[in-house]
PDB file of N, CA and C in Angstrom:
ATOM      1  N   MET A   1       0.824  -1.191   0.000  1.00  0.00           N
ATOM      2  CA  MET A   1       0.000   0.000   0.000  1.00  0.00           C
ATOM      3  C   MET A   1       0.868   1.254   0.000  1.00  0.00           C
ATOM      4  N   SER A   2       1.833   1.386   0.955  1.00  0.00           N
ATOM      5  CA  SER A   2       2.681   2.574   1.016  1.00  0.00           C
ATOM      6  C   SER A   2       3.633   2.626  -0.186  1.00  0.00           C
ATOM      7  N   GLY A   3       4.002   1.491  -0.733  1.00  0.00           N
ATOM      8  CA  GLY A   3       4.836   1.453  -1.934  1.00  0.00           C
ATOM      9  C   GLY A   3       4.107   2.061  -3.114  1.00  0.00           C
ATOM     10  N   ASN A   4       2.794   1.854  -3.180  1.00  0.00           N
ATOM     11  CA  ASN A   4       1.982   2.415  -4.254  1.00  0.00           C
ATOM     12  C   ASN A   4       1.947   3.937  -4.178  1.00  0.00           C
ATOM     13  N   ILE A   5       1.892   4.489  -2.964  1.00  0.00           N
ATOM     14  CA  ILE A   5       1.863   5.935  -2.777  1.00  0.00           C
ATOM     15  C   ILE A   5       3.201   6.545  -3.202  1.00  0.00           C
ATOM     16  N   VAL A   6       4.297   5.872  -2.867  1.00  0.00           N
ATOM     17  CA  VAL A   6       5.623   6.354  -3.245  1.00  0.00           C
ATOM     18  C   VAL A   6       5.757   6.367  -4.763  1.00  0.00           C
ATOM     19  N   VAL A   7       5.302   5.312  -5.415  1.00  0.00           N
ATOM     20  CA  VAL A   7       5.370   5.231  -6.877  1.00  0.00           C
ATOM     21  C   VAL A   7       4.535   6.349  -7.505  1.00  0.00           C
ATOM     22  N   GLN A   8       3.356   6.597  -6.943  1.00  0.00           N
ATOM     23  CA  GLN A   8       2.499   7.657  -7.464  1.00  0.00           C
ATOM     24  C   GLN A   8       3.147   9.037  -7.251  1.00  0.00           C
ATOM     25  N   ALA A   9       3.789   9.238  -6.101  1.00  0.00           N
ATOM     26  CA  ALA A   9       4.447  10.521  -5.824  1.00  0.00           C
ATOM     27  C   ALA A   9       5.607  10.744  -6.792  1.00  0.00           C
ATOM     28  N   VAL A  10       6.390   9.689  -7.027  1.00  0.00           N
ATOM     29  CA  VAL A  10       7.510   9.792  -7.963  1.00  0.00           C
ATOM     30  C   VAL A  10       6.988  10.060  -9.373  1.00  0.00           C
ATOM     31  N   ALA A  11       5.928   9.394  -9.757  1.00  0.00           N
ATOM     32  CA  ALA A  11       5.337   9.597 -11.082  1.00  0.00           C
ATOM     33  C   ALA A  11       4.807  11.027 -11.227  1.00  0.00           C
ATOM     34  N   ALA A  12       4.196  11.568 -10.165  1.00  0.00           N
ATOM     35  CA  ALA A  12       3.678  12.941 -10.210  1.00  0.00           C
ATOM     36  C   ALA A  12       4.815  13.949 -10.365  1.00  0.00           C
ATOM     37  N   VAL A  13       5.913  13.740  -9.625  1.00  0.00           N
ATOM     38  CA  VAL A  13       7.066  14.638  -9.724  1.00  0.00           C
ATOM     39  C   VAL A  13       7.665  14.566 -11.125  1.00  0.00           C
ATOM     40  N   CYS A  14       7.770  13.364 -11.676  1.00  0.00           N
ATOM     41  CA  CYS A  14       8.308  13.191 -13.029  1.00  0.00           C
ATOM     42  C   CYS A  14       7.395  13.851 -14.064  1.00  0.00           C
ATOM     43  N   ALA A  15       6.088  13.729 -13.886  1.00  0.00           N
ATOM     44  CA  ALA A  15       5.135  14.346 -14.817  1.00  0.00           C
ATOM     45  C   ALA A  15       5.240  15.870 -14.761  1.00  0.00           C
ATOM     46  N   LEU A  16       5.359  16.434 -13.554  1.00  0.00           N
ATOM     47  CA  LEU A  16       5.511  17.883 -13.418  1.00  0.00           C
ATOM     48  C   LEU A  16       6.827  18.358 -14.035  1.00  0.00           C
ATOM     49  N   ALA A  17       7.880  17.599 -13.809  1.00  0.00           N
ATOM     50  CA  ALA A  17       9.178  17.963 -14.383  1.00  0.00           C
ATOM     51  C   ALA A  17       9.112  17.934 -15.912  1.00  0.00           C
ATOM     52  N   LEU A  18       8.444  16.936 -16.466  1.00  0.00           N
ATOM     53  CA  LEU A  18       8.290  16.852 -17.920  1.00  0.00           C
ATOM     54  C   LEU A  18       7.420  17.998 -18.433  1.00  0.00           C
ATOM     55  N   TYR A  19       6.346  18.322 -17.705  1.00  0.00           N
ATOM     56  CA  TYR A  19       5.448  19.397 -18.110  1.00  0.00           C
ATOM     57  C   TYR A  19       6.178  20.740 -18.130  1.00  0.00           C
ATOM     58  N   PHE A  20       7.011  20.980 -17.114  1.00  0.00           N
ATOM     59  CA  PHE A  20       7.743  22.249 -17.024  1.00  0.00           C
ATOM     60  C   PHE A  20       9.162  22.158 -17.594  1.00  0.00           C
ATOM     61  N   LEU A  21       9.428  21.148 -18.405  1.00  0.00           N
ATOM     62  CA  LEU A  21      10.739  20.995 -19.033  1.00  0.00           C
ATOM     63  C   LEU A  21      11.147  22.240 -19.829  1.00  0.00           C
ATOM     64  N   PRO A  22      10.257  22.847 -20.622  1.00  0.00           N
ATOM     65  CA  PRO A  22      10.675  24.071 -21.321  1.00  0.00           C
ATOM     66  C   PRO A  22      11.104  25.188 -20.358  1.00  0.00           C
ATOM     67  N   SER A  23      10.400  25.345 -19.263  1.00  0.00           N
ATOM     68  CA  SER A  23      10.765  26.375 -18.285  1.00  0.00           C
ATOM     69  C   SER A  23      12.097  26.045 -17.614  1.00  0.00           C
ATOM     70  N   ILE A  24      12.311  24.786 -17.319  1.00  0.00           N
ATOM     71  CA  ILE A  24      13.569  24.362 -16.697  1.00  0.00           C
ATOM     72  C   ILE A  24      14.737  24.605 -17.651  1.00  0.00           C
ATOM     73  N   LEU A  25      14.542  24.264 -18.923  1.00  0.00           N
ATOM     74  CA  LEU A  25      15.594  24.497 -19.916  1.00  0.00           C
ATOM     75  C   LEU A  25      15.880  25.989 -20.078  1.00  0.00           C
ATOM     76  N   ALA A  26      14.824  26.798 -20.092  1.00  0.00           N
ATOM     77  CA  ALA A  26      15.009  28.253 -20.220  1.00  0.00           C
ATOM     78  C   ALA A  26      15.791  28.801 -19.031  1.00  0.00           C
ATOM     79  N   ASP A  27      15.502  28.285 -17.844  1.00  0.00           N
ATOM     80  CA  ASP A  27      16.230  28.720 -16.648  1.00  0.00           C
ATOM     81  C   ASP A  27      17.696  28.322 -16.745  1.00  0.00           C
ATOM     82  N   ARG A  28      17.961  27.113 -17.164  1.00  0.00           N
ATOM     83  CA  ARG A  28      19.337  26.638 -17.294  1.00  0.00           C
ATOM     84  C   ARG A  28      20.105  27.407 -18.357  1.00  0.00           C
ATOM     85  N   ARG A  29      19.395  27.882 -19.401  1.00  0.00           N
ATOM     86  CA  ARG A  29      20.038  28.606 -20.497  1.00  0.00           C
ATOM     87  C   ARG A  29      20.088  30.107 -20.237  1.00  0.00           C
ATOM     88  N   LYS A  30      19.650  30.535 -19.032  1.00  0.00           N
ATOM     89  CA  LYS A  30      19.708  31.937 -18.606  1.00  0.00           C
ATOM     90  C   LYS A  30      18.961  32.864 -19.570  1.00  0.00           C
ATOM     91  N   ARG A  31      17.738  32.457 -19.941  1.00  0.00           N
ATOM     92  CA  ARG A  31      16.928  33.294 -20.825  1.00  0.00           C
ATOM     93  C   ARG A  31      16.465  34.540 -20.079  1.00  0.00           C
ATOM     94  N   HIS A  32      16.459  35.679 -20.804  1.00  0.00           N
ATOM     95  CA  HIS A  32      16.041  36.941 -20.192  1.00  0.00           C
ATOM     96  C   HIS A  32      14.533  36.992 -19.989  1.00  0.00           C
ATOM     97  N   ASP A  33      13.789  36.264 -20.795  1.00  0.00           N
ATOM     98  CA  ASP A  33      12.325  36.280 -20.717  1.00  0.00           C
ATOM     99  C   ASP A  33      11.785  35.009 -20.052  1.00  0.00           C
ATOM    100  N   LEU A  34      12.480  34.549 -19.035  1.00  0.00           N
ATOM    101  CA  LEU A  34      12.127  33.301 -18.356  1.00  0.00           C
ATOM    102  C   LEU A  34      10.724  33.352 -17.763  1.00  0.00           C
ATOM    103  N   LEU A  35      10.374  34.442 -17.120  1.00  0.00           N
ATOM    104  CA  LEU A  35       9.063  34.526 -16.480  1.00  0.00           C
ATOM    105  C   LEU A  35       7.941  34.424 -17.510  1.00  0.00           C
ATOM    106  N   THR A  36       8.077  35.127 -18.613  1.00  0.00           N
ATOM    107  CA  THR A  36       7.064  35.075 -19.664  1.00  0.00           C
ATOM    108  C   THR A  36       6.950  33.662 -20.225  1.00  0.00           C
ATOM    109  N   LEU A  37       8.083  33.046 -20.466  1.00  0.00           N
ATOM    110  CA  LEU A  37       8.086  31.690 -20.999  1.00  0.00           C
ATOM    111  C   LEU A  37       7.462  30.710 -20.007  1.00  0.00           C
ATOM    112  N   ALA A  38       7.791  30.845 -18.732  1.00  0.00           N
ATOM    113  CA  ALA A  38       7.250  29.936 -17.718  1.00  0.00           C
ATOM    114  C   ALA A  38       5.735  30.119 -17.585  1.00  0.00           C
ATOM    115  N   LEU A  39       5.262  31.363 -17.642  1.00  0.00           N
ATOM    116  CA  LEU A  39       3.814  31.591 -17.592  1.00  0.00           C
ATOM    117  C   LEU A  39       3.123  31.017 -18.817  1.00  0.00           C
ATOM    118  N   PHE A  40       3.728  31.187 -19.972  1.00  0.00           N
ATOM    119  CA  PHE A  40       3.181  30.588 -21.189  1.00  0.00           C
ATOM    120  C   PHE A  40       3.129  29.078 -21.056  1.00  0.00           C
ATOM    121  N   ASN A  41       4.214  28.506 -20.565  1.00  0.00           N
ATOM    122  CA  ASN A  41       4.295  27.057 -20.369  1.00  0.00           C
ATOM    123  C   ASN A  41       3.216  26.569 -19.406  1.00  0.00           C
ATOM    124  N   ALA A  42       3.007  27.316 -18.310  1.00  0.00           N
ATOM    125  CA  ALA A  42       2.019  26.913 -17.306  1.00  0.00           C
ATOM    126  C   ALA A  42       0.591  27.029 -17.834  1.00  0.00           C
ATOM    127  N   CYS A  43       0.329  28.076 -18.619  1.00  0.00           N
ATOM    128  CA  CYS A  43      -1.053  28.318 -19.071  1.00  0.00           C
ATOM    129  C   CYS A  43      -1.426  27.561 -20.334  1.00  0.00           C
ATOM    130  N   VAL A  44      -0.497  27.411 -21.256  1.00  0.00           N
ATOM    131  CA  VAL A  44      -0.833  26.825 -22.555  1.00  0.00           C
ATOM    132  C   VAL A  44      -0.147  25.477 -22.769  1.00  0.00           C
ATOM    133  N   GLY A  45       0.732  25.116 -21.856  1.00  0.00           N
ATOM    134  CA  GLY A  45       1.496  23.882 -22.032  1.00  0.00           C
ATOM    135  C   GLY A  45       0.661  22.613 -21.994  1.00  0.00           C
ATOM    136  N   TRP A  46      -0.542  22.689 -21.424  1.00  0.00           N
ATOM    137  CA  TRP A  46      -1.388  21.498 -21.349  1.00  0.00           C
ATOM    138  C   TRP A  46      -1.822  21.025 -22.725  1.00  0.00           C
ATOM    139  N   THR A  47      -1.838  21.953 -23.709  1.00  0.00           N
ATOM    140  CA  THR A  47      -2.082  21.514 -25.080  1.00  0.00           C
ATOM    141  C   THR A  47      -0.742  21.032 -25.614  1.00  0.00           C
ATOM    142  N   GLY A  48      -0.754  20.049 -26.380  1.00  0.00           N
ATOM    143  CA  GLY A  48       0.509  19.539 -26.917  1.00  0.00           C
ATOM    144  C   GLY A  48       1.227  20.589 -27.750  1.00  0.00           C
ATOM    145  N   PHE A  49       0.463  21.358 -28.521  1.00  0.00           N
ATOM    146  CA  PHE A  49       1.047  22.389 -29.368  1.00  0.00           C
ATOM    147  C   PHE A  49       1.684  23.501 -28.523  1.00  0.00           C
ATOM    148  N   GLY A  50       1.014  23.899 -27.449  1.00  0.00           N
ATOM    149  CA  GLY A  50       1.555  24.918 -26.554  1.00  0.00           C
ATOM    150  C   GLY A  50       2.844  24.466 -25.896  1.00  0.00           C
ATOM    151  N   TRP A  51       2.893  23.202 -25.502  1.00  0.00           N
ATOM    152  CA  TRP A  51       4.107  22.662 -24.883  1.00  0.00           C
ATOM    153  C   TRP A  51       5.251  22.648 -25.894  1.00  0.00           C
ATOM    154  N   LEU A  52       4.962  22.247 -27.138  1.00  0.00           N
ATOM    155  CA  LEU A  52       5.997  22.236 -28.167  1.00  0.00           C
ATOM    156  C   LEU A  52       6.485  23.655 -28.480  1.00  0.00           C
ATOM    157  N   LEU A  53       5.566  24.620 -28.513  1.00  0.00           N
ATOM    158  CA  LEU A  53       5.967  26.011 -28.722  1.00  0.00           C
ATOM    159  C   LEU A  53       6.867  26.505 -27.581  1.00  0.00           C
ATOM    160  N   ALA A  54       6.482  26.167 -26.356  1.00  0.00           N
ATOM    161  CA  ALA A  54       7.300  26.572 -25.200  1.00  0.00           C
ATOM    162  C   ALA A  54       8.677  25.917 -25.264  1.00  0.00           C
ATOM    163  N   LEU A  55       8.726  24.658 -25.669  1.00  0.00           N
ATOM    164  CA  LEU A  55      10.009  23.961 -25.794  1.00  0.00           C
ATOM    165  C   LEU A  55      10.865  24.620 -26.875  1.00  0.00           C
ATOM    166  N   TYR A  56      10.256  24.927 -28.015  1.00  0.00           N
ATOM    167  CA  TYR A  56      10.985  25.593 -29.099  1.00  0.00           C
ATOM    168  C   TYR A  56      11.510  26.954 -28.634  1.00  0.00           C
ATOM    169  N   TRP A  57      10.651  27.699 -27.943  1.00  0.00           N
ATOM    170  CA  TRP A  57      11.005  29.028 -27.440  1.00  0.00           C
ATOM    171  C   TRP A  57      12.168  28.929 -26.456  1.00  0.00           C
ATOM    172  N   SER A  58      12.136  27.940 -25.591  1.00  0.00           N
ATOM    173  CA  SER A  58      13.190  27.806 -24.581  1.00  0.00           C
ATOM    174  C   SER A  58      14.539  27.445 -25.198  1.00  0.00           C
ATOM    175  N   LEU A  59      14.531  26.848 -26.374  1.00  0.00           N
ATOM    176  CA  LEU A  59      15.779  26.435 -27.015  1.00  0.00           C
ATOM    177  C   LEU A  59      16.363  27.526 -27.918  1.00  0.00           C
ATOM    178  N   GLN A  60      15.639  28.635 -28.100  1.00  0.00           N
ATOM    179  CA  GLN A  60      16.133  29.740 -28.922  1.00  0.00           C
ATOM    180  C   GLN A  60      17.159  30.558 -28.130  1.00  0.00           C
ATOM    181  N   PRO A  61      18.072  31.233 -28.837  1.00  0.00           N
ATOM    182  CA  PRO A  61      19.026  32.095 -28.125  1.00  0.00           C
ATOM    183  C   PRO A  61      18.310  33.301 -27.536  1.00  0.00           C
ATOM    184  N   ASN A  62      18.946  33.934 -26.580  1.00  0.00           N
ATOM    185  CA  ASN A  62      18.374  35.130 -25.962  1.00  0.00           C
ATOM    186  C   ASN A  62      18.121  36.192 -27.019  1.00  0.00           C
ATOM    187  N   PRO A  63      17.027  36.922 -26.877  1.00  0.00           N
ATOM    188  CA  PRO A  63      16.776  38.006 -27.835  1.00  0.00           C
ATOM    189  C   PRO A  63      17.827  39.097 -27.662  1.00  0.00           C
ATOM    190  N   PRO A  64      18.132  39.808 -28.736  1.00  0.00           N
ATOM    191  CA  PRO A  64      19.138  40.866 -28.608  1.00  0.00           C
ATOM    192  C   PRO A  64      18.641  41.961 -27.687  1.00  0.00           C
ATOM    193  N   LYS A  65      19.582  42.575 -27.004  1.00  0.00           N
ATOM    194  CA  LYS A  65      19.236  43.672 -26.111  1.00  0.00           C
ATOM    195  C   LYS A  65      18.879  44.889 -26.959  1.00  0.00           C
ATOM    196  N   ASN A  66      18.427  45.918 -26.319  1.00  0.00           N
ATOM    197  CA  ASN A  66      18.061  47.149 -26.995  1.00  0.00           C
ATOM    198  C   ASN A  66      19.333  47.857 -27.443  1.00  0.00           C
ATOM    199  N   VAL A  67      19.837  47.482 -28.625  1.00  0.00           N
ATOM    200  CA  VAL A  67      21.108  47.994 -29.117  1.00  0.00           C
ATOM    201  C   VAL A  67      21.008  49.491 -29.390  1.00  0.00           C
ATOM    202  N   ALA A  68      19.894  49.927 -29.988  1.00  0.00           N
ATOM    203  CA  ALA A  68      19.736  51.350 -30.300  1.00  0.00           C
ATOM    204  C   ALA A  68      19.754  52.183 -29.021  1.00  0.00           C
ATOM    205  N   GLY A  69      19.076  51.709 -27.990  1.00  0.00           N
ATOM    206  CA  GLY A  69      19.063  52.425 -26.719  1.00  0.00           C
ATOM    207  C   GLY A  69      20.444  52.486 -26.092  1.00  0.00           C
ATOM    208  N   GLU A  70      21.198  51.401 -26.212  1.00  0.00           N
ATOM    209  CA  GLU A  70      22.557  51.385 -25.669  1.00  0.00           C
ATOM    210  C   GLU A  70      23.453  52.367 -26.412  1.00  0.00           C
ATOM    211  N   ILE A  71      23.271  52.484 -27.728  1.00  0.00           N
ATOM    212  CA  ILE A  71      24.073  53.423 -28.517  1.00  0.00           C
ATOM    213  C   ILE A  71      23.769  54.855 -28.085  1.00  0.00           C
ATOM    214  N   VAL A  72      22.486  55.157 -27.904  1.00  0.00           N
ATOM    215  CA  VAL A  72      22.105  56.500 -27.468  1.00  0.00           C
ATOM    216  C   VAL A  72      22.699  56.801 -26.098  1.00  0.00           C
ATOM    217  N   GLN A  73      22.614  55.839 -25.173  1.00  0.00           N
ATOM    218  CA  GLN A  73      23.172  56.051 -23.833  1.00  0.00           C
ATOM    219  C   GLN A  73      24.686  56.250 -23.894  1.00  0.00           C
ATOM    220  N   THR A  74      25.365  55.484 -24.731  1.00  0.00           N
ATOM    221  CA  THR A  74      26.818  55.609 -24.859  1.00  0.00           C
ATOM    222  C   THR A  74      27.185  56.977 -25.428  1.00  0.00           C
ATOM    223  N   ARG A  75      26.425  57.419 -26.448  1.00  0.00           N
ATOM    224  CA  ARG A  75      26.694  58.741 -27.030  1.00  0.00           C
ATOM    225  C   ARG A  75      26.498  59.843 -25.990  1.00  0.00           C
ATOM    226  N   LYS A  76      25.445  59.720 -25.206  1.00  0.00           N
ATOM    227  CA  LYS A  76      25.209  60.721 -24.162  1.00  0.00           C
ATOM    228  C   LYS A  76      26.362  60.749 -23.168  1.00  0.00           C
ATOM    229  N   ALA A  77      26.827  59.579 -22.770  1.00  0.00           N
ATOM    230  CA  ALA A  77      27.927  59.506 -21.808  1.00  0.00           C
ATOM    231  C   ALA A  77      29.200  60.113 -22.389  1.00  0.00           C
ATOM    232  N   VAL A  78      29.483  59.827 -23.662  1.00  0.00           N
ATOM    233  CA  VAL A  78      30.680  60.373 -24.305  1.00  0.00           C
ATOM    234  C   VAL A  78      30.575  61.886 -24.415  1.00  0.00           C
ATOM    235  N   LEU A  79      29.407  62.388 -24.806  1.00  0.00           N
ATOM    236  CA  LEU A  79      29.218  63.837 -24.911  1.00  0.00           C
ATOM    237  C   LEU A  79      29.357  64.519 -23.554  1.00  0.00           C
ATOM    238  N   MET A  80      28.812  63.917 -22.518  1.00  0.00           N
ATOM    239  CA  MET A  80      28.931  64.497 -21.177  1.00  0.00           C
ATOM    240  C   MET A  80      30.390  64.503 -20.715  1.00  0.00           C
ATOM    241  N   ARG A  81      31.118  63.433 -21.022  1.00  0.00           N
ATOM    242  CA  ARG A  81      32.532  63.375 -20.663  1.00  0.00           C
ATOM    243  C   ARG A  81      33.321  64.456 -21.409  1.00  0.00           C
ATOM    244  N   ALA A  82      33.032  64.610 -22.708  1.00  0.00           N
ATOM    245  CA  ALA A  82      33.721  65.631 -23.506  1.00  0.00           C
ATOM    246  C   ALA A  82      33.381  67.031 -22.986  1.00  0.00           C
ATOM    247  N   PHE A  83      32.107  67.269 -22.672  1.00  0.00           N
ATOM    248  CA  PHE A  83      31.699  68.569 -22.127  1.00  0.00           C
ATOM    249  C   PHE A  83      32.402  68.841 -20.802  1.00  0.00           C
ATOM    250  N   SER A  84      32.457  67.837 -19.930  1.00  0.00           N
ATOM    251  CA  SER A  84      33.113  68.000 -18.630  1.00  0.00           C
ATOM    252  C   SER A  84      34.596  68.305 -18.805  1.00  0.00           C
ATOM    253  N   SER A  85      35.238  67.616 -19.721  1.00  0.00           N
ATOM    254  CA  SER A  85      36.671  67.856 -19.960  1.00  0.00           C
ATOM    255  C   SER A  85      36.902  69.260 -20.503  1.00  0.00           C
ATOM    256  N   ALA A  86      36.066  69.684 -21.454  1.00  0.00           N
ATOM    257  CA  ALA A  86      36.215  71.023 -22.027  1.00  0.00           C
ATOM    258  C   ALA A  86      35.969  72.088 -20.971  1.00  0.00           C
ATOM    259  N   LEU A  87      34.965  71.871 -20.132  1.00  0.00           N
ATOM    260  CA  LEU A  87      34.668  72.832 -19.068  1.00  0.00           C
ATOM    261  C   LEU A  87      35.823  72.910 -18.072  1.00  0.00           C
ATOM    262  N   GLN A  88      36.362  71.779 -17.709  1.00  0.00           N
ATOM    263  CA  GLN A  88      37.490  71.758 -16.768  1.00  0.00           C
ATOM    264  C   GLN A  88      38.702  72.468 -17.376  1.00  0.00           C
ATOM    265  N   LEU A  89      38.978  72.247 -18.650  1.00  0.00           N
ATOM    266  CA  LEU A  89      40.099  72.902 -19.321  1.00  0.00           C
ATOM    267  C   LEU A  89      39.890  74.417 -19.355  1.00  0.00           C
ATOM    268  N   ARG A  90      38.675  74.851 -19.631  1.00  0.00           N
ATOM    269  CA  ARG A  90      38.370  76.285 -19.669  1.00  0.00           C
ATOM    270  C   ARG A  90      38.570  76.921 -18.292  1.00  0.00           C
ATOM    271  N   VAL A  91      38.112  76.235 -17.247  1.00  0.00           N
ATOM    272  CA  VAL A  91      38.284  76.759 -15.887  1.00  0.00           C
ATOM    273  C   VAL A  91      39.765  76.855 -15.544  1.00  0.00           C
ATOM    274  N   GLN A  92      40.549  75.847 -15.919  1.00  0.00           N
ATOM    275  CA  GLN A  92      41.985  75.876 -15.640  1.00  0.00           C
ATOM    276  C   GLN A  92      42.668  77.018 -16.388  1.00  0.00           C
ATOM    277  N   LYS A  93      42.268  77.263 -17.652  1.00  0.00           N
ATOM    278  CA  LYS A  93      42.859  78.363 -18.419  1.00  0.00           C
ATOM    279  C   LYS A  93      42.537  79.705 -17.772  1.00  0.00           C
ATOM    280  N   ARG A  94      41.291  79.872 -17.348  1.00  0.00           N
ATOM    281  CA  ARG A  94      40.904  81.131 -16.702  1.00  0.00           C
ATOM    282  C   ARG A  94      41.667  81.331 -15.391  1.00  0.00           C
ATOM    283  N   ALA A  95      41.807  80.255 -14.638  1.00  0.00           N
ATOM    284  CA  ALA A  95      42.521  80.361 -13.362  1.00  0.00           C
ATOM    285  C   ALA A  95      43.984  80.724 -13.591  1.00  0.00           C
ATOM    286  N   SER A  96      44.617  80.112 -14.579  1.00  0.00           N
ATOM    287  CA  SER A  96      46.025  80.422 -14.845  1.00  0.00           C
ATOM    288  C   SER A  96      46.166  81.839 -15.396  1.00  0.00           C
ATOM    289  N   ALA A  97      45.203  82.294 -16.210  1.00  0.00           N
ATOM    290  CA  ALA A  97      45.253  83.664 -16.719  1.00  0.00           C
ATOM    291  C   ALA A  97      45.079  84.654 -15.575  1.00  0.00           C
ATOM    292  N   ARG A  98      44.201  84.352 -14.646  1.00  0.00           N
ATOM    293  CA  ARG A  98      43.987  85.218 -13.481  1.00  0.00           C
ATOM    294  C   ARG A  98      45.256  85.263 -12.630  1.00  0.00           C
ATOM    295  N   GLU A  99      45.896  84.124 -12.436  1.00  0.00           N
ATOM    296  CA  GLU A  99      47.133  84.097 -11.644  1.00  0.00           C
ATOM    297  C   GLU A  99      48.225  84.911 -12.320  1.00  0.00           C
ATOM    298  N   ARG A 100      48.341  84.810 -13.642  1.00  0.00           N
ATOM    299  CA  ARG A 100      49.348  85.588 -14.375  1.00  0.00           C
ATOM    300  C   ARG A 100      49.062  87.089 -14.258  1.00  0.00           C
ATOM    301  N   ALA A 101      47.783  87.436 -14.351  1.00  0.00           N
ATOM    302  CA  ALA A 101      47.422  88.851 -14.235  1.00  0.00           C
ATOM    303  C   ALA A 101      47.746  89.376 -12.841  1.00  0.00           C
ATOM    304  N   GLU A 102      47.439  88.597 -11.825  1.00  0.00           N
ATOM    305  CA  GLU A 102      47.749  89.011 -10.449  1.00  0.00           C
ATOM    306  C   GLU A 102      49.256  89.095 -10.236  1.00  0.00           C
ATOM    307  N   HIS A 103      49.970  88.139 -10.803  1.00  0.00           N
ATOM    308  CA  HIS A 103      51.431  88.105 -10.650  1.00  0.00           C
ATOM    309  C   HIS A 103      52.072  89.315 -11.333  1.00  0.00           C
ATOM    310  N   SER A 104      51.604  89.654 -12.528  1.00  0.00           N
ATOM    311  CA  SER A 104      52.158  90.803 -13.232  1.00  0.00           C
ATOM    312  C   SER A 104      51.756  92.115 -12.549  1.00  0.00           C
ATOM    313  N   ALA A 105      50.579  92.158 -11.946  1.00  0.00           N
ATOM    314  CA  ALA A 105      50.150  93.365 -11.228  1.00  0.00           C
ATOM    315  C   ALA A 105      51.030  93.577  -9.995  1.00  0.00           C
ATOM    316  N   GLU A 106      51.436  92.509  -9.337  1.00  0.00           N
ATOM    317  CA  GLU A 106      52.295  92.635  -8.158  1.00  0.00           C
ATOM    318  C   GLU A 106      53.661  93.194  -8.537  1.00  0.00           C
ATOM    319  N   HIS A 107      54.180  92.791  -9.677  1.00  0.00           N
ATOM    320  CA  HIS A 107      55.509  93.238 -10.096  1.00  0.00           C
ATOM    321  C   HIS A 107      55.481  94.664 -10.604  1.00  0.00           C
ATOM    322  N   LYS A 108      54.364  95.185 -11.092  1.00  0.00           N
ATOM    323  CA  LYS A 108      54.282  96.542 -11.615  1.00  0.00           C
ATOM    324  C   LYS A 108      54.164  97.582 -10.499  1.00  0.00           C
ATOM    325  N   GLN A 109      53.660  97.162  -9.337  1.00  0.00           N
ATOM    326  CA  GLN A 109      53.506  98.121  -8.236  1.00  0.00           C
ATOM    327  C   GLN A 109      54.883  98.489  -7.679  1.00  0.00           C
ATOM    328  N   PRO A 110      55.096  99.830  -7.385  1.00  0.00           N
ATOM    329  CA  PRO A 110      56.411 100.245  -6.860  1.00  0.00           C
ATOM    330  C   PRO A 110      56.584  99.955  -5.392  1.00  0.00           C
TER     331      PRO A 110
END
């Protein structure tokens, strides 16, 4: 009797593991859209076609990141760095010009 319950428990765990195999594979492959895939698998996986779609989806490579957005962010960072450098150079030039003016004024006084 208790052996039958153990067999049923093992069979249930194996069935769940097989049902969520696409989600498990997606997790192992570090997919960025794991949650979406797992929800799809849970909701539509009971149909054979839904399970096959989830399996196919889990075996695909990660979708590309937002390359255009990254380019814009990189350009902004480069422009800000260039602006900061130019501003710092301008401040240093003004400070050195002020020091030269003060130094020459000291030497002109009798």
